[in-house]
């Protein structure tokens, strides 16, 4: 199966490319879609003739999206729409931020959304409009993801690296939020390709607060880091029952961290 991957050198895209190649897919990296036109996108898809597209490219920094909403809208709404118009089945990465303003305590199912920032509003609009254009589209609401650095690939700040590299960190004692090992995200992609069109909460569940999660990791790795309470933060944890019913079951946040620690032999650094 030929799969076109956008953002193939990004944090998620690079790992998706590696996983698909290992699993025998004909994974084709897309050129950069930065500053592209709708015709440019159409031309790439026509040339590659993919059976499936995995779209990982986005502007995901919340601050950047608030400061430049036009740039966010182009990257997070218009570009996915251009891809959806191709009619090719596409996996689009969305975000748990669509739950950032929900009134209940969660965990949140797919039909309970209330975005509270520009990035989240644009992602929710993208989901809705993409499904209108191509109902076979698969929208994956991803959690905050982490990994150790991958050679030659940008490794943006993430939960694990912040804990390993910083002398102090603040996490909320009230916020529950899944945090997911990005290599597990990539590992499920071959099965995810076959999901029917729709929206799916996609990642690890977590019954601990973010501060409790950080304290657990500190104790496990005996880290020399000072942890403090970041105060009241809104829950972002998701209910993944819909995904589980399709046979895709992520490890819990703690079990995912254990897997990552084993993969990288992190305990050997104590």
Protein backbone atom coordinates (compact mmCIF):
# COMPACT_ATOMS: atom_id res chain seq x y z
CA UNK A 1 0.00 0.00 0.00
CA UNK A 2 1.35 3.42 -0.96
CA UNK A 3 1.05 5.97 1.86
CA UNK A 4 1.90 9.66 1.48
CA UNK A 5 3.12 11.20 4.76
CA UNK A 6 3.09 14.96 5.28
CA UNK A 7 5.55 16.45 7.75
CA UNK A 8 7.87 13.44 7.27
CA UNK A 9 10.77 15.04 9.16
CA UNK A 10 8.68 16.27 12.08
CA UNK A 11 8.34 14.86 15.58
CA UNK A 12 5.40 12.62 14.67
CA UNK A 13 5.89 12.28 10.92
CA UNK A 14 9.45 10.95 11.08
CA UNK A 15 8.43 8.17 13.44
CA UNK A 16 5.36 7.38 11.32
CA UNK A 17 7.60 7.08 8.25
CA UNK A 18 9.96 4.68 10.03
CA UNK A 19 7.10 2.53 11.31
CA UNK A 20 5.34 2.26 7.95
CA UNK A 21 8.57 1.32 6.18
CA UNK A 22 9.32 -1.35 8.79
CA UNK A 23 5.82 -2.76 8.28
CA UNK A 24 6.31 -3.05 4.53
CA UNK A 25 4.30 -0.04 3.34
CA UNK A 26 5.42 2.06 0.40
CA UNK A 27 5.76 5.19 2.51
CA UNK A 28 6.38 8.33 0.46
CA UNK A 29 7.49 11.56 2.17
CA UNK A 30 5.72 14.66 0.97
CA UNK A 31 7.61 17.85 0.17
CA UNK A 32 7.08 20.71 2.58
CA UNK A 33 3.61 22.20 2.34
CA UNK A 34 4.78 25.44 3.95
CA UNK A 35 3.70 28.38 1.75
CA UNK A 36 2.13 25.99 -0.75
CA UNK A 37 -1.04 26.61 -2.74
CA UNK A 38 -4.04 24.35 -3.20
CA UNK A 39 -2.76 23.54 -6.69
CA UNK A 40 0.63 22.57 -5.25
CA UNK A 41 -1.05 20.10 -2.87
CA UNK A 42 -3.20 18.68 -5.65
CA UNK A 43 -0.12 18.27 -7.85
CA UNK A 44 1.80 16.32 -5.19
CA UNK A 45 -1.12 13.95 -4.58
CA UNK A 46 -1.68 13.41 -8.31
CA UNK A 47 2.00 12.63 -8.81
CA UNK A 48 2.32 10.20 -5.88
CA UNK A 49 -1.08 8.49 -6.36
CA UNK A 50 -1.31 7.34 -2.72
CA UNK A 51 -3.94 4.93 -1.48
CA UNK A 52 -3.84 6.60 1.95
CA UNK A 53 -2.45 9.90 3.26
CA UNK A 54 -1.20 10.45 6.81
CA UNK A 55 -1.26 14.19 7.51
CA UNK A 56 0.94 15.13 10.47
CA UNK A 57 2.00 18.64 9.44
CA UNK A 58 0.48 21.45 11.53
CA UNK A 59 1.21 24.50 13.62
CA UNK A 60 0.58 23.11 17.09
CA UNK A 61 2.13 25.76 19.33
CA UNK A 62 -0.80 27.38 21.14
CA UNK A 63 1.01 30.70 21.64
CA UNK A 64 1.95 30.97 17.97
CA UNK A 65 -1.65 30.31 16.94
CA UNK A 66 -2.94 32.99 19.32
CA UNK A 67 -0.44 35.53 18.00
CA UNK A 68 -0.98 34.70 14.33
CA UNK A 69 -4.47 33.29 13.81
CA UNK A 70 -4.31 33.72 10.02
CA UNK A 71 -1.19 31.55 9.85
CA UNK A 72 -2.86 28.99 12.15
CA UNK A 73 -6.01 28.93 10.02
CA UNK A 74 -4.08 28.35 6.85
CA UNK A 75 -2.00 25.50 8.31
CA UNK A 76 -4.63 23.90 10.54
CA UNK A 77 -7.82 24.34 8.50
CA UNK A 78 -7.17 25.25 4.87
CA UNK A 79 -4.31 22.83 4.18
CA UNK A 80 -6.19 19.79 5.57
CA UNK A 81 -9.23 20.80 3.51
CA UNK A 82 -7.14 20.88 0.33
CA UNK A 83 -5.93 17.37 1.13
CA UNK A 84 -9.46 16.13 1.89
CA UNK A 85 -10.69 17.41 -1.48
CA UNK A 86 -8.41 14.87 -3.18
CA UNK A 87 -10.87 12.13 -2.19
CA UNK A 88 -8.01 9.97 -0.89
CA UNK A 89 -8.63 8.42 2.53
CA UNK A 90 -6.59 10.48 4.98
CA UNK A 91 -5.61 10.21 8.64
CA UNK A 92 -5.55 13.73 10.11
CA UNK A 93 -3.98 14.43 13.49
CA UNK A 94 -6.12 16.64 15.69
CA UNK A 95 -5.75 17.46 19.40
CA UNK A 96 -7.05 16.90 22.92
CA UNK A 97 -7.20 20.71 23.17
CA UNK A 98 -10.72 20.57 21.69
CA UNK A 99 -11.78 19.67 25.25
CA UNK A 100 -10.01 22.64 26.84
CA UNK A 101 -13.23 24.46 27.75
CA UNK A 102 -15.52 21.54 28.60
CA UNK A 103 -17.66 22.06 31.69
CA UNK A 104 -17.72 18.49 32.99
CA UNK A 105 -14.77 16.79 34.72
CA UNK A 106 -14.28 14.14 32.03
CA UNK A 107 -12.95 11.88 30.75
CA UNK A 108 -14.36 13.26 27.51
CA UNK A 109 -15.97 11.26 24.71
CA UNK A 110 -15.70 12.39 21.11
CA UNK A 111 -19.04 14.23 21.06
CA UNK A 112 -18.21 16.49 24.04
CA UNK A 113 -16.11 19.43 22.87
CA UNK A 114 -15.59 23.05 23.82
CA UNK A 115 -12.33 24.58 22.54
CA UNK A 116 -10.88 27.41 24.62
CA UNK A 117 -8.03 28.66 22.42
CA UNK A 118 -7.43 29.53 18.77
CA UNK A 119 -5.50 26.35 17.99
CA UNK A 120 -8.28 24.17 19.39
CA UNK A 121 -11.02 26.13 17.60
CA UNK A 122 -9.21 25.76 14.30
CA UNK A 123 -8.65 22.04 14.82
CA UNK A 124 -12.33 21.48 15.64
CA UNK A 125 -13.40 23.42 12.56
CA UNK A 126 -10.94 21.36 10.53
CA UNK A 127 -12.46 18.10 11.79
CA UNK A 128 -15.98 19.16 10.90
CA UNK A 129 -15.19 20.55 7.46
CA UNK A 130 -12.88 17.71 6.45
CA UNK A 131 -15.57 15.13 7.25
CA UNK A 132 -18.09 17.10 5.18
CA UNK A 133 -15.73 17.02 2.20
CA UNK A 134 -14.55 13.41 2.62
CA UNK A 135 -16.52 11.22 5.07
CA UNK A 136 -13.82 8.52 4.87
CA UNK A 137 -11.40 10.84 6.69
CA UNK A 138 -10.09 9.59 10.05
CA UNK A 139 -9.57 12.33 12.64
CA UNK A 140 -7.19 11.39 15.46
CA UNK A 141 -7.41 13.54 18.59
CA UNK A 142 -3.90 13.12 19.93
CA UNK A 143 -2.64 13.79 23.43
CA UNK A 144 0.63 15.45 24.40
CA UNK A 145 3.30 13.08 23.04
CA UNK A 146 6.85 12.35 24.18
CA UNK A 147 10.01 10.53 23.11
CA UNK A 148 13.76 10.67 23.40
CA UNK A 149 15.53 12.57 20.59
CA UNK A 150 15.67 10.98 17.16
CA UNK A 151 18.84 11.71 15.19
CA UNK A 152 18.38 14.49 12.66
CA UNK A 153 14.81 15.20 13.70
CA UNK A 154 13.63 18.16 15.80
CA UNK A 155 12.60 17.02 19.29
CA UNK A 156 10.34 19.72 20.62
CA UNK A 157 9.82 20.12 24.34
CA UNK A 158 7.85 17.21 25.70
CA UNK A 159 6.95 15.73 29.05
CA UNK A 160 9.78 13.20 29.22
CA UNK A 161 12.54 15.49 27.97
CA UNK A 162 11.42 18.30 30.25
CA UNK A 163 11.65 15.93 33.19
CA UNK A 164 15.09 14.66 32.18
CA UNK A 165 16.71 17.98 31.27
CA UNK A 166 15.25 20.64 33.52
CA UNK A 167 16.11 21.36 37.13
CA UNK A 168 12.57 22.32 37.99
CA UNK A 169 9.12 21.85 36.46
CA UNK A 170 5.59 22.84 37.39
CA UNK A 171 2.61 20.58 36.71
CA UNK A 172 -0.98 20.92 37.81
CA UNK A 173 -2.27 18.94 40.78
CA UNK A 174 -5.80 19.25 39.37
CA UNK A 175 -5.37 18.50 35.67
CA UNK A 176 -5.83 14.98 34.35
CA UNK A 177 -4.44 14.49 30.87
CA UNK A 178 -3.17 11.55 28.85
CA UNK A 179 0.48 11.70 27.83
CA UNK A 180 1.45 9.25 25.08
CA UNK A 181 4.65 7.60 23.84
CA UNK A 182 4.90 8.76 20.23
CA UNK A 183 6.42 5.46 19.12
CA UNK A 184 3.25 3.73 20.29
CA UNK A 185 1.25 6.24 18.24
CA UNK A 186 3.32 5.31 15.19
CA UNK A 187 3.08 1.62 16.03
CA UNK A 188 -0.72 1.64 15.79
CA UNK A 189 -0.79 3.47 12.44
CA UNK A 190 -0.92 0.32 10.25
CA UNK A 191 -4.15 -0.72 12.02
CA UNK A 192 -5.45 2.85 12.21
CA UNK A 193 -5.34 3.13 8.42
CA UNK A 194 -8.23 0.66 8.26
CA UNK A 195 -10.53 2.53 10.68
CA UNK A 196 -13.83 3.72 9.21
CA UNK A 197 -14.14 7.45 8.74
CA UNK A 198 -14.86 9.50 11.85
CA UNK A 199 -13.34 11.08 14.94
CA UNK A 200 -11.34 9.08 17.49
CA UNK A 201 -9.70 9.94 20.79
CA UNK A 202 -6.22 8.62 20.09
CA UNK A 203 -3.67 8.01 22.82
CA UNK A 204 -3.10 6.95 26.40
CA UNK A 205 -5.61 7.35 29.18
CA UNK A 206 -4.37 8.59 32.55
CA UNK A 207 -6.07 8.44 35.94
CA UNK A 208 -3.31 10.47 37.59
CA UNK A 209 -3.03 14.23 37.66
CA UNK A 210 -0.11 15.73 35.76
CA UNK A 211 1.73 16.45 39.02
CA UNK A 212 1.17 12.88 40.22
CA UNK A 213 2.45 11.59 36.88
CA UNK A 214 5.57 13.74 37.16
CA UNK A 215 6.19 12.58 40.73
CA UNK A 216 5.86 8.95 39.63
CA UNK A 217 8.46 9.43 36.88
CA UNK A 218 10.78 11.32 39.24
CA UNK A 219 10.68 8.42 41.69
CA UNK A 220 11.09 5.75 39.01
CA UNK A 221 14.19 7.38 37.52
CA UNK A 222 15.43 8.98 40.75
CA UNK A 223 15.60 12.32 38.97
CA UNK A 224 17.16 15.38 40.53
CA UNK A 225 14.31 17.74 39.69
CA UNK A 226 12.20 20.05 41.81
CA UNK A 227 8.49 19.69 41.13
CA UNK A 228 5.91 22.33 41.99
CA UNK A 229 2.17 22.76 41.56
CA UNK A 230 1.20 24.78 38.47
CA UNK A 231 -2.21 25.41 40.02
CA UNK A 232 -5.68 24.99 38.61
CA UNK A 233 -5.69 23.63 35.05
CA UNK A 234 -8.56 22.26 33.01
CA UNK A 235 -8.78 18.50 32.45
CA UNK A 236 -7.84 17.25 28.98
CA UNK A 237 -8.18 13.52 29.57
CA UNK A 238 -10.04 11.51 26.98
CA UNK A 239 -12.25 8.44 26.94
CA UNK A 240 -10.87 6.04 24.29
CA UNK A 241 -13.67 3.44 24.37
CA UNK A 242 -14.54 4.09 20.71
CA UNK A 243 -10.96 3.38 19.67
CA UNK A 244 -10.77 0.28 21.87
CA UNK A 245 -13.93 -1.07 20.26
CA UNK A 246 -12.01 -1.02 16.96
CA UNK A 247 -9.23 -3.11 18.49
CA UNK A 248 -6.71 -0.32 19.10
CA UNK A 249 -5.77 -0.17 22.79
CA UNK A 250 -3.06 2.19 23.97
CA UNK A 251 -1.13 1.54 27.15
CA UNK A 252 -1.95 3.81 30.09
CA UNK A 253 0.30 6.83 30.50
CA UNK A 254 2.31 5.10 33.24
CA UNK A 255 2.65 1.85 31.28
CA UNK A 256 3.66 3.80 28.18
CA UNK A 257 6.38 5.55 30.17
CA UNK A 258 7.54 2.16 31.46
CA UNK A 259 7.78 0.93 27.86
CA UNK A 260 9.76 3.99 26.82
CA UNK A 261 12.12 3.55 29.78
CA UNK A 262 12.68 -0.07 28.78
CA UNK A 263 13.21 0.79 25.10
CA UNK A 264 15.90 3.35 25.96
CA UNK A 265 17.23 1.58 29.07
CA UNK A 266 16.69 4.82 30.98
CA UNK A 267 17.10 3.17 34.38
CA UNK A 268 20.71 2.43 33.47
CA UNK A 269 21.42 6.16 33.73
CA UNK A 270 20.55 6.28 37.47
